[in-house]
Amino acid sequence: MTTAALTVDPASAIAPVDRRLFGSFIEHLGRAVYDGIHEPGHPTADAEGFRADVLDLVRELGVTTVRYPGGNFVSGYRWEDGVGPKESRPRRVDLAWHSLETNEVGLDEFARWSAKAGTELMLAVNLGTRGVAEALDLLEYANLPGGTTLAEQRIANGSPEPHSVTIWCLGNEMDGSWQLGHRSAEDYGKLAAQAARAMRQLDSRIQLVVCGSSSRSMPTFGEWERTVLEHTWDEVDFISCHAYYNQGDRDLSEYLATPVDMDRFIESVSATIDHVAAVKGSDKRIGISFDEWNVWDIDRYHADDKRTAIDDWPIAPRLLEDSYTVADAVVVGGLLISLLRHADRVTAASLAQLVNVIAPIMTEPGGIAWRQTTFFPFALTSRLGRGRALHVALRSDTMETASHGTVSVVDAVATTDDDGVSLFLVNRGDTMDARVSVDLSAAGVTSILEAHTLWDADPTARNTVDQPDRVAVRPLDVVLSHGIAEFTLPPSSWSAIRIRKEPA
């Protein structure tokens, strides 16, 4: 058995937890939209064709924002195709995923879906194959109350109230050679600055996200961020980070330690932000929008044969429908710990994606919707991770990893609000329990409200259409005495504990 000792002190605050940290992402990719959130013939479908069973799960998941419509898809997207009478909407080829886009669901429909789900809409503009004028048109259509041609068009299309989108992404992954309209950091920075200035002239309330690197392993990483920020510093509010992780041929314990890479990614980008601020003599604070993150077996995806034939453009094909294991869910829980630990820098994030495509929610056409293993850590962290994130003084046994060096076996973070303290922990050890003691005496705690662990004797266990409830969270036994909480974490597990505080 390994051991760990933690001290939680409400005075050791990192920053308030921005609720946008618990965002997600829906792209016109595979079955995310069609057969995912939208299936008019489904028994639970509402009058607009949206699946009520999926809406229920999205609300249970606790998603706060949804980034839309991409993703790689947005760099070839004409937003005008998705508004107006459905019978008049064109069908277009989507070059990003070699599919046919019917445009049955567009901005107005998605905005109404987002409202039903209780989420905030986060829109991306196409700076791949389009530019400033098209971004302005989309902003005018979405946000102006009326009195202009595009605003009146939205009203005539059945959306009398503006969508009032606050947060906008200036393109997607423009550092990537796979992206339509890919360009250098210098050229993208100039274009993004132009678009940002123009959009702010139209609506000064908006917040803007400029593209950072699409992964920490990109050859231009670091230099890309510096160049882009030098061009856009005065115009934007966030720079994005994207990261996907998978086990590959690594052993389990090393895989469970991959959130260390997210920590280093965030810290590197933060250092670059601070460097540009120092060079500019600016006290402005640029935030990080980690608006794509998840576990994704991207190596398998790239190894698969992809459609390239000129006469093969399927509608909503099954793409990127990864089936997640318990181990994958523990990694997702660890990544959430990393995001909370950097709540002073990361103030928006999007789990990519939400339904069917590398997603916590899966559906079958005409059938059930179910929770993947990764659903559970996200839902619990969104529900319990409120208030302020706290530094946790952690003393843990360590282990050696080939990719990350020496890491602690147990990782943890805490949050606190007026009513209590929440603890989130992961045991990265793949064979041994971890005995944990947490000193909460400074927090004035009184009782354990709830305690959960995600663990299985088989770390490859998963939920499927045939066994949708094979994996679920289990109760965790916690003893609280004189401000000290003690418990045992199973190997390869993620846990969440909520503790009541004394009334102020």
Protein backbone atom coordinates (compact mmCIF):
# COMPACT_ATOMS: atom_id res chain seq x y z
CA MET A 1 0.00 0.00 0.00
CA THR A 2 1.20 3.52 -0.85
CA THR A 3 0.49 6.53 1.33
CA ALA A 4 -0.32 10.20 0.90
CA ALA A 5 -1.01 13.08 3.28
CA LEU A 6 -2.79 16.29 2.28
CA THR A 7 -3.46 19.58 4.01
CA VAL A 8 -6.39 21.69 2.84
CA ASP A 9 -6.50 25.30 4.01
CA PRO A 10 -9.16 27.70 2.66
CA ALA A 11 -6.62 30.51 3.01
CA SER A 12 -4.52 28.91 0.24
CA ALA A 13 -6.78 29.98 -2.60
CA ILE A 14 -5.69 29.73 -6.23
CA ALA A 15 -8.58 31.60 -7.85
CA PRO A 16 -12.34 31.44 -8.24
CA VAL A 17 -13.49 28.51 -10.36
CA ASP A 18 -14.98 29.98 -13.54
CA ARG A 19 -18.05 27.95 -14.46
CA ARG A 20 -16.93 28.05 -18.09
CA LEU A 21 -14.27 25.55 -17.07
CA PHE A 22 -16.95 22.87 -17.48
CA GLY A 23 -17.73 23.50 -21.13
CA SER A 24 -17.98 21.01 -23.96
CA PHE A 25 -17.94 20.97 -27.74
CA ILE A 26 -20.17 19.89 -30.63
CA GLU A 27 -18.86 19.86 -34.17
CA HIS A 28 -20.60 18.82 -37.37
CA LEU A 29 -18.58 15.61 -37.31
CA GLY A 30 -19.82 12.04 -37.56
CA ARG A 31 -22.97 11.53 -35.47
CA ALA A 32 -22.46 14.39 -33.02
CA VAL A 33 -25.33 16.45 -34.45
CA TYR A 34 -27.32 14.05 -36.63
CA ASP A 35 -28.33 10.92 -34.66
CA GLY A 36 -26.67 12.55 -31.63
CA ILE A 37 -28.51 15.61 -30.38
CA HIS A 38 -30.91 15.68 -33.36
CA GLU A 39 -33.00 12.70 -34.49
CA PRO A 40 -36.54 13.71 -35.52
CA GLY A 41 -37.83 10.14 -35.67
CA HIS A 42 -36.66 9.16 -32.20
CA PRO A 43 -39.33 8.29 -29.59
CA THR A 44 -38.07 11.06 -27.28
CA ALA A 45 -37.66 13.73 -29.98
CA ASP A 46 -39.32 17.08 -29.36
CA ALA A 47 -41.06 19.23 -31.97
CA GLU A 48 -37.70 20.38 -33.33
CA GLY A 49 -36.28 16.88 -33.54
CA PHE A 50 -33.99 17.12 -30.52
CA ARG A 51 -33.63 13.98 -28.41
CA ALA A 52 -34.98 14.59 -24.92
CA ASP A 53 -32.99 11.68 -23.49
CA VAL A 54 -29.77 13.32 -24.68
CA LEU A 55 -30.84 16.70 -23.30
CA ASP A 56 -31.45 15.06 -19.91
CA LEU A 57 -27.94 13.59 -19.91
CA VAL A 58 -26.33 16.87 -21.01
CA ARG A 59 -28.02 18.64 -18.09
CA GLU A 60 -26.92 15.85 -15.72
CA LEU A 61 -23.37 16.16 -17.03
CA GLY A 62 -23.34 19.79 -15.90
CA VAL A 63 -22.07 21.34 -19.12
CA THR A 64 -21.94 25.14 -18.91
CA THR A 65 -20.83 26.18 -22.42
CA VAL A 66 -20.83 24.43 -25.78
CA ARG A 67 -18.33 25.38 -28.48
CA TYR A 68 -19.89 25.18 -31.96
CA PRO A 69 -19.74 24.35 -34.93
CA GLY A 70 -16.09 23.28 -34.89
CA GLY A 71 -13.41 22.29 -34.88
CA ASN A 72 -11.89 21.47 -38.25
CA PHE A 73 -15.37 21.67 -39.77
CA VAL A 74 -15.60 25.44 -39.23
CA SER A 75 -12.69 26.22 -41.56
CA GLY A 76 -14.81 25.27 -44.58
CA TYR A 77 -18.24 26.23 -43.19
CA ARG A 78 -20.58 28.83 -44.69
CA TRP A 79 -22.81 29.77 -41.78
CA GLU A 80 -25.48 31.16 -44.13
CA ASP A 81 -26.13 27.61 -45.37
CA GLY A 82 -27.61 26.69 -41.99
CA VAL A 83 -30.24 29.43 -41.62
CA GLY A 84 -33.58 30.09 -43.30
CA PRO A 85 -36.13 27.61 -44.66
CA LYS A 86 -34.78 24.08 -44.38
CA GLU A 87 -36.06 23.09 -47.77
CA SER A 88 -33.89 25.81 -49.33
CA ARG A 89 -30.67 24.97 -47.50
CA PRO A 90 -27.89 23.63 -49.72
CA ARG A 91 -26.04 20.37 -49.22
CA ARG A 92 -22.29 20.88 -49.07
CA VAL A 93 -19.26 18.64 -48.96
CA ASP A 94 -17.31 18.87 -45.70
CA LEU A 95 -13.63 18.52 -46.59
CA ALA A 96 -12.49 18.22 -42.98
CA TRP A 97 -14.23 14.88 -42.40
CA HIS A 98 -15.08 13.89 -46.01
CA SER A 99 -18.80 13.92 -45.32
CA LEU A 100 -21.95 15.50 -46.72
CA GLU A 101 -23.45 18.30 -44.63
CA THR A 102 -27.22 18.63 -45.02
CA ASN A 103 -27.44 21.87 -42.99
CA GLU A 104 -30.65 20.64 -41.38
CA VAL A 105 -29.27 21.98 -38.10
CA GLY A 106 -27.67 25.42 -38.17
CA LEU A 107 -27.12 28.37 -35.86
CA ASP A 108 -30.74 29.11 -34.95
CA GLU A 109 -31.59 25.48 -34.23
CA PHE A 110 -28.40 24.94 -32.27
CA ALA A 111 -28.95 28.10 -30.23
CA ARG A 112 -32.40 26.82 -29.26
CA TRP A 113 -30.93 23.41 -28.38
CA SER A 114 -28.30 25.13 -26.23
CA ALA A 115 -30.99 27.04 -24.35
CA LYS A 116 -32.90 23.81 -23.72
CA ALA A 117 -29.71 22.21 -22.41
CA GLY A 118 -29.08 25.18 -20.10
CA THR A 119 -25.72 25.96 -21.68
CA GLU A 120 -24.03 29.09 -23.00
CA LEU A 121 -23.29 29.11 -26.72
CA MET A 122 -19.63 29.61 -27.73
CA LEU A 123 -19.30 30.29 -31.47
CA ALA A 124 -16.33 29.82 -33.79
CA VAL A 125 -15.91 31.90 -36.95
CA ASN A 126 -14.35 30.64 -40.16
CA LEU A 127 -10.94 32.25 -40.63
CA GLY A 128 -9.77 29.36 -42.80
CA THR A 129 -11.54 29.85 -46.12
CA ARG A 130 -13.31 33.09 -45.16
CA GLY A 131 -12.39 36.28 -43.38
CA VAL A 132 -13.36 39.51 -41.62
CA ALA A 133 -16.49 40.33 -43.62
CA GLU A 134 -18.05 36.92 -43.06
CA ALA A 135 -17.22 37.05 -39.33
CA LEU A 136 -18.94 40.42 -39.08
CA ASP A 137 -22.00 39.12 -40.90
CA LEU A 138 -22.29 36.18 -38.50
CA LEU A 139 -21.91 38.44 -35.46
CA GLU A 140 -24.54 40.83 -36.82
CA TYR A 141 -26.97 37.98 -37.47
CA ALA A 142 -26.40 36.46 -34.04
CA ASN A 143 -26.20 39.44 -31.72
CA LEU A 144 -27.95 42.55 -33.07
CA PRO A 145 -31.51 42.99 -31.78
CA GLY A 146 -32.90 44.21 -35.10
CA GLY A 147 -32.95 47.04 -37.59
CA THR A 148 -30.39 45.64 -40.02
CA THR A 149 -30.83 43.26 -42.92
CA LEU A 150 -29.11 40.34 -41.19
CA ALA A 151 -30.75 40.89 -37.81
CA GLU A 152 -34.14 41.14 -39.48
CA GLN A 153 -33.34 37.96 -41.40
CA ARG A 154 -32.77 36.15 -38.07
CA ILE A 155 -36.10 37.46 -36.79
CA ALA A 156 -37.86 36.32 -39.96
CA ASN A 157 -36.20 32.92 -39.54
CA GLY A 158 -37.96 32.42 -36.21
CA SER A 159 -35.48 33.84 -33.67
CA PRO A 160 -36.96 37.19 -32.59
CA GLU A 161 -34.48 37.64 -29.76
CA PRO A 162 -30.74 37.92 -30.46
CA HIS A 163 -28.64 34.90 -29.56
CA SER A 164 -26.35 37.24 -27.57
CA VAL A 165 -23.27 35.09 -27.96
CA THR A 166 -20.56 36.38 -25.63
CA ILE A 167 -17.51 34.23 -26.35
CA TRP A 168 -16.16 33.78 -29.91
CA CYS A 169 -13.28 31.72 -31.30
CA LEU A 170 -11.23 33.33 -34.07
CA GLY A 171 -10.87 30.22 -36.22
CA ASN A 172 -9.61 26.79 -35.23
CA GLU A 173 -6.15 25.19 -35.08
CA MET A 174 -4.71 27.53 -37.69
CA ASP A 175 -1.21 26.22 -36.91
CA GLY A 176 -2.13 22.80 -38.35
CA SER A 177 -1.27 21.81 -41.93
CA TRP A 178 -4.51 19.77 -42.01
CA GLN A 179 -6.59 22.92 -41.51
CA LEU A 180 -8.26 24.55 -44.50
CA GLY A 181 -6.66 27.97 -44.77
CA HIS A 182 -3.64 27.00 -42.65
CA ARG A 183 -1.18 29.87 -42.47
CA SER A 184 1.87 31.01 -40.56
CA ALA A 185 1.67 32.54 -37.10
CA GLU A 186 2.55 35.92 -38.60
CA ASP A 187 -0.23 35.78 -41.20
CA TYR A 188 -2.80 34.31 -38.83
CA GLY A 189 -1.97 36.85 -36.12
CA LYS A 190 -2.56 39.74 -38.53
CA LEU A 191 -5.86 38.28 -39.76
CA ALA A 192 -7.09 37.49 -36.24
CA ALA A 193 -6.25 41.01 -35.08
CA GLN A 194 -8.19 42.50 -37.99
CA ALA A 195 -11.19 40.30 -37.33
CA ALA A 196 -11.07 41.03 -33.60
CA ARG A 197 -10.94 44.80 -34.05
CA ALA A 198 -13.83 44.74 -36.52
CA MET A 199 -15.97 42.45 -34.36
CA ARG A 200 -15.45 44.64 -31.30
CA GLN A 201 -16.56 47.69 -33.28
CA LEU A 202 -19.84 45.88 -33.91
CA ASP A 203 -20.31 44.46 -30.40
CA SER A 204 -18.00 45.70 -27.65
CA ARG A 205 -19.39 43.17 -25.14
CA ILE A 206 -17.89 40.08 -26.74
CA GLN A 207 -14.90 38.08 -25.56
CA LEU A 208 -12.49 36.66 -28.14
CA VAL A 209 -10.34 33.52 -28.21
CA VAL A 210 -7.30 33.52 -30.50
CA CYS A 211 -5.88 30.20 -31.73
CA GLY A 212 -2.95 28.81 -29.82
CA SER A 213 -1.15 25.61 -30.73
CA SER A 214 -3.23 22.55 -31.58
CA SER A 215 -0.92 20.48 -29.37
CA ARG A 216 2.16 20.88 -27.22
CA SER A 217 4.07 18.65 -29.66
CA MET A 218 3.65 20.98 -32.64
CA PRO A 219 7.05 22.11 -34.00
CA THR A 220 5.93 25.75 -33.77
CA PHE A 221 4.69 25.47 -30.18
CA GLY A 222 5.73 28.44 -28.06
CA GLU A 223 6.89 30.54 -30.96
CA TRP A 224 3.37 30.37 -32.42
CA GLU A 225 1.85 31.67 -29.18
CA ARG A 226 4.40 34.48 -28.89
CA THR A 227 3.93 35.70 -32.46
CA VAL A 228 0.14 35.50 -32.43
CA LEU A 229 -0.12 37.27 -29.08
CA GLU A 230 2.18 40.05 -30.20
CA HIS A 231 -0.27 40.79 -33.03
CA THR A 232 -3.50 40.35 -31.07
CA TRP A 233 -2.62 41.36 -27.52
CA ASP A 234 -4.83 44.43 -27.33
CA GLU A 235 -7.76 42.76 -29.09
CA VAL A 236 -8.34 39.33 -27.47
CA ASP A 237 -9.21 37.89 -24.09
CA PHE A 238 -8.05 34.25 -24.38
CA ILE A 239 -5.57 32.08 -26.22
CA SER A 240 -6.58 28.47 -26.82
CA CYS A 241 -4.89 25.18 -25.93
CA HIS A 242 -5.81 21.80 -27.42
CA ALA A 243 -4.63 18.40 -26.14
CA TYR A 244 -5.67 14.78 -26.58
CA TYR A 245 -4.20 11.81 -24.73
CA ASN A 246 -4.22 8.04 -25.16
CA GLN A 247 -2.48 5.05 -23.66
CA GLY A 248 -0.77 3.77 -26.80
CA ASP A 249 1.87 1.22 -25.84
CA ARG A 250 2.54 2.70 -22.39
CA ASP A 251 1.88 0.82 -19.20
CA LEU A 252 -1.18 1.72 -17.18
CA SER A 253 0.44 3.75 -14.40
CA GLU A 254 2.29 5.90 -16.91
CA TYR A 255 -0.94 6.48 -18.80
CA LEU A 256 -2.66 7.57 -15.60
CA ALA A 257 0.10 10.16 -15.13
CA THR A 258 -0.56 11.89 -18.47
CA PRO A 259 -2.29 14.87 -16.84
CA VAL A 260 1.25 15.96 -15.93
CA ASP A 261 1.56 16.88 -19.60
CA MET A 262 -1.49 19.14 -19.31
CA ASP A 263 0.09 20.85 -16.28
CA ARG A 264 3.25 21.54 -18.25
CA PHE A 265 1.29 22.69 -21.30
CA ILE A 266 -0.65 25.24 -19.26
CA GLU A 267 2.46 26.43 -17.45
CA SER A 268 4.38 26.87 -20.73
CA VAL A 269 1.59 28.88 -22.35
CA SER A 270 1.22 30.94 -19.17
CA ALA A 271 4.94 31.75 -19.29
CA THR A 272 4.62 32.89 -22.90
CA ILE A 273 1.63 35.09 -22.02
CA ASP A 274 3.65 36.64 -19.20
CA HIS A 275 6.64 37.14 -21.51
CA VAL A 276 4.57 39.04 -24.09
CA ALA A 277 3.00 41.11 -21.31
CA ALA A 278 6.46 42.02 -20.01
CA VAL A 279 7.75 42.95 -23.46
CA LYS A 280 4.71 45.14 -24.04
CA GLY A 281 4.83 46.61 -20.55
CA SER A 282 1.21 45.58 -20.15
CA ASP A 283 -0.72 44.63 -17.03
CA LYS A 284 -3.49 43.04 -19.11
CA ARG A 285 -4.25 39.43 -18.25
CA ILE A 286 -4.88 37.06 -21.15
CA GLY A 287 -6.68 33.89 -20.06
CA ILE A 288 -6.35 30.37 -21.41
CA SER A 289 -9.29 28.68 -23.10
CA PHE A 290 -8.49 24.96 -23.09
CA ASP A 291 -11.26 24.50 -25.59
CA GLU A 292 -10.36 21.02 -26.82
CA TRP A 293 -9.25 18.33 -24.40
CA ASN A 294 -10.03 14.66 -23.90
CA VAL A 295 -8.83 11.10 -24.18
CA TRP A 296 -8.79 10.09 -27.83
CA ASP A 297 -7.08 7.19 -29.56
CA ILE A 298 -5.91 9.53 -32.30
CA ASP A 299 -3.19 7.12 -33.40
CA ARG A 300 -5.84 4.54 -34.31
CA TYR A 301 -7.84 7.18 -36.15
CA HIS A 302 -4.90 8.21 -38.29
CA ALA A 303 -4.07 4.56 -39.00
CA ASP A 304 -7.57 3.86 -40.32
CA ASP A 305 -8.33 4.12 -44.01
CA LYS A 306 -10.03 7.45 -44.68
CA ARG A 307 -12.53 8.23 -47.39
CA THR A 308 -11.04 10.06 -50.33
CA ALA A 309 -13.22 9.03 -53.28
CA ILE A 310 -14.93 11.84 -55.17
CA ASP A 311 -18.22 9.92 -55.17
CA ASP A 312 -18.20 8.87 -51.49
CA TRP A 313 -19.65 11.58 -49.22
CA PRO A 314 -21.74 9.92 -46.48
CA ILE A 315 -24.16 11.77 -44.22
CA ALA A 316 -23.31 11.52 -40.51
CA PRO A 317 -21.04 8.46 -40.73
CA ARG A 318 -19.82 6.75 -37.57
CA LEU A 319 -16.54 8.53 -36.92
CA LEU A 320 -14.36 8.75 -33.80
CA GLU A 321 -16.79 6.73 -31.68
CA ASP A 322 -14.25 5.71 -29.08
CA SER A 323 -15.49 3.38 -26.34
CA TYR A 324 -13.98 4.53 -23.04
CA THR A 325 -12.59 2.36 -20.28
CA VAL A 326 -12.33 2.90 -16.55
CA ALA A 327 -8.67 3.83 -17.07
CA ASP A 328 -9.69 6.47 -19.62
CA ALA A 329 -12.15 7.92 -17.12
CA VAL A 330 -9.47 8.10 -14.42
CA VAL A 331 -7.30 10.08 -16.85
CA VAL A 332 -10.21 12.43 -17.58
CA GLY A 333 -10.63 12.90 -13.83
CA GLY A 334 -6.92 13.68 -13.58
CA LEU A 335 -7.18 16.23 -16.38
CA LEU A 336 -10.02 17.94 -14.52
CA ILE A 337 -7.76 18.12 -11.47
CA SER A 338 -5.13 19.84 -13.65
CA LEU A 339 -7.65 22.38 -14.93
CA LEU A 340 -8.82 23.22 -11.41
CA ARG A 341 -5.23 23.48 -10.21
CA HIS A 342 -4.68 26.20 -12.83
CA ALA A 343 -7.94 28.05 -12.26
CA ASP A 344 -5.97 31.30 -12.09
CA ARG A 345 -4.93 30.86 -15.75
CA VAL A 346 -7.55 28.58 -17.32
CA THR A 347 -10.91 30.30 -17.18
CA ALA A 348 -12.66 28.44 -20.01
CA ALA A 349 -12.41 24.87 -21.25
CA SER A 350 -14.29 22.50 -23.53
CA LEU A 351 -14.35 18.71 -23.25
CA ALA A 352 -14.20 17.56 -26.87
CA GLN A 353 -16.74 16.36 -27.68
CA LEU A 354 -20.20 15.91 -26.17
CA VAL A 355 -22.23 13.24 -28.00
CA ASN A 356 -21.07 10.14 -29.96
CA VAL A 357 -17.77 11.65 -31.18
CA ILE A 358 -15.07 10.92 -28.53
CA ALA A 359 -17.85 11.73 -26.11
CA PRO A 360 -19.16 11.03 -22.60
CA ILE A 361 -22.65 10.46 -24.05
CA MET A 362 -23.46 7.82 -26.69
CA THR A 363 -26.65 7.12 -28.63
CA GLU A 364 -28.13 4.53 -30.92
CA PRO A 365 -30.50 5.62 -33.71
CA GLY A 366 -34.02 4.91 -32.48
CA GLY A 367 -32.54 3.42 -29.32
CA ILE A 368 -31.00 4.33 -26.00
CA ALA A 369 -28.60 7.02 -24.91
CA TRP A 370 -26.05 6.06 -22.25
CA ARG A 371 -23.21 7.36 -20.12
CA GLN A 372 -19.67 6.41 -21.01
CA THR A 373 -17.19 5.96 -18.15
CA THR A 374 -15.83 9.48 -18.73
CA PHE A 375 -19.26 10.92 -17.95
CA PHE A 376 -18.89 10.32 -14.22
CA PRO A 377 -15.78 12.36 -13.28
CA PHE A 378 -16.95 15.29 -15.39
CA ALA A 379 -20.47 15.32 -13.92
CA LEU A 380 -19.25 15.08 -10.33
CA THR A 381 -16.51 17.68 -10.76
CA SER A 382 -18.92 20.12 -12.43
CA ARG A 383 -21.44 19.66 -9.63
CA LEU A 384 -19.04 19.71 -6.69
CA GLY A 385 -16.14 21.84 -7.96
CA ARG A 386 -17.51 25.26 -7.10
CA GLY A 387 -16.32 28.39 -5.34
CA ARG A 388 -12.54 28.77 -5.13
CA ALA A 389 -9.84 26.32 -6.11
CA LEU A 390 -7.32 25.65 -3.34
CA HIS A 391 -3.66 24.77 -3.28
CA VAL A 392 -3.32 21.36 -1.62
CA ALA A 393 -0.17 20.66 0.34
CA LEU A 394 0.50 17.10 -0.83
CA ARG A 395 3.02 14.56 0.41
CA SER A 396 2.80 11.34 -1.56
CA ASP A 397 4.85 8.33 -2.48
CA THR A 398 6.27 8.73 -5.97
CA MET A 399 6.76 6.59 -9.04
CA GLU A 400 9.01 6.78 -12.08
CA THR A 401 7.58 7.21 -15.56
CA ALA A 402 9.37 7.19 -18.91
CA SER A 403 7.42 10.16 -20.29
CA HIS A 404 6.97 12.37 -17.25
CA GLY A 405 9.84 11.57 -14.91
CA THR A 406 9.13 11.26 -11.19
CA VAL A 407 5.49 11.88 -10.34
CA SER A 408 3.38 11.54 -7.21
CA VAL A 409 1.29 8.39 -6.98
CA VAL A 410 -1.64 10.37 -5.59
CA ASP A 411 -2.70 13.66 -7.15
CA ALA A 412 -5.36 15.96 -5.71
CA VAL A 413 -7.00 19.35 -5.74
CA ALA A 414 -9.68 20.96 -3.59
CA THR A 415 -12.37 23.61 -3.92
CA THR A 416 -14.31 25.48 -1.27
CA ASP A 417 -17.47 27.53 -1.14
CA ASP A 418 -19.76 28.84 1.60
CA ASP A 419 -21.19 25.42 2.35
CA GLY A 420 -18.27 23.05 2.20
CA VAL A 421 -15.07 21.65 0.76
CA SER A 422 -14.75 19.31 -2.21
CA LEU A 423 -11.78 17.01 -2.72
CA PHE A 424 -10.83 15.39 -6.04
CA LEU A 425 -8.17 12.69 -6.03
CA VAL A 426 -6.58 10.14 -8.32
CA ASN A 427 -4.50 7.07 -7.45
CA ARG A 428 -2.12 6.59 -10.38
CA GLY A 429 -0.71 3.39 -9.01
CA ASP A 430 -2.01 0.47 -11.03
CA THR A 431 -1.52 -2.32 -8.47
CA MET A 432 -1.69 -0.92 -4.92
CA ASP A 433 -4.24 0.84 -2.76
CA ALA A 434 -3.28 4.29 -1.47
CA ARG A 435 -3.97 5.14 2.16
CA VAL A 436 -4.74 8.88 2.37
CA SER A 437 -4.98 11.26 5.32
CA VAL A 438 -6.35 14.77 4.78
CA ASP A 439 -5.93 17.53 7.36
CA LEU A 440 -9.03 19.70 7.08
CA SER A 441 -8.83 21.30 10.50
CA ALA A 442 -8.38 24.80 9.05
CA ALA A 443 -11.54 24.40 7.00
CA GLY A 444 -13.90 23.96 9.94
CA VAL A 445 -15.51 20.83 8.50
CA THR A 446 -18.22 18.91 10.32
CA SER A 447 -19.36 15.89 8.32
CA ILE A 448 -18.99 13.91 5.11
CA LEU A 449 -21.86 14.71 2.77
CA GLU A 450 -20.96 12.32 -0.07
CA ALA A 451 -17.97 10.33 -1.25
CA HIS A 452 -17.56 8.51 -4.56
CA THR A 453 -14.88 6.53 -6.33
CA LEU A 454 -14.60 5.38 -9.93
CA TRP A 455 -12.79 2.05 -9.94
CA ASP A 456 -13.12 -1.47 -11.27
CA ALA A 457 -11.13 -4.66 -10.86
CA ASP A 458 -10.91 -4.59 -14.64
CA PRO A 459 -9.54 -1.17 -15.69
CA THR A 460 -10.55 -1.94 -19.28
CA ALA A 461 -14.24 -2.27 -18.33
CA ARG A 462 -16.56 0.02 -20.27
CA ASN A 463 -20.22 0.84 -20.84
CA THR A 464 -21.75 -0.26 -24.13
CA VAL A 465 -25.13 -0.31 -25.82
CA ASP A 466 -25.56 -3.88 -24.55
CA GLN A 467 -24.24 -3.12 -21.05
CA PRO A 468 -24.87 0.60 -20.53
CA ASP A 469 -24.54 0.36 -16.73
CA ARG A 470 -21.52 -1.94 -16.49
CA VAL A 471 -19.41 0.86 -14.93
CA ALA A 472 -20.61 3.43 -12.41
CA VAL A 473 -19.23 5.30 -9.42
CA ARG A 474 -19.15 3.45 -6.11
CA PRO A 475 -19.37 4.70 -2.51
CA LEU A 476 -16.03 5.53 -0.88
CA ASP A 477 -15.69 4.92 2.85
CA VAL A 478 -14.35 8.05 4.57
CA VAL A 479 -13.80 8.51 8.31
CA LEU A 480 -13.75 12.12 9.58
CA SER A 481 -12.52 12.76 13.12
CA HIS A 482 -11.26 16.02 14.65
CA GLY A 483 -10.81 17.61 11.23
CA ILE A 484 -8.85 14.67 9.78
CA ALA A 485 -10.37 12.62 6.94
CA GLU A 486 -8.96 9.16 6.26
CA PHE A 487 -9.76 6.74 3.44
CA THR A 488 -8.24 4.25 1.03
CA LEU A 489 -8.14 4.83 -2.73
CA PRO A 490 -8.26 1.69 -4.88
CA PRO A 491 -5.59 1.32 -7.57
CA SER A 492 -6.21 3.12 -10.87
CA SER A 493 -9.07 5.16 -9.42
CA TRP A 494 -10.55 8.66 -9.34
CA SER A 495 -12.53 9.91 -6.34
CA ALA A 496 -14.62 12.89 -5.23
CA ILE A 497 -15.53 13.80 -1.66
CA ARG A 498 -17.84 16.55 -0.40
CA ILE A 499 -17.50 17.73 3.20
CA ARG A 500 -19.80 20.08 5.09
CA LYS A 501 -18.37 23.20 6.73
CA GLU A 502 -19.45 24.85 9.96
CA PRO A 503 -21.85 27.75 9.34
CA ALA A 504 -20.05 31.10 9.21
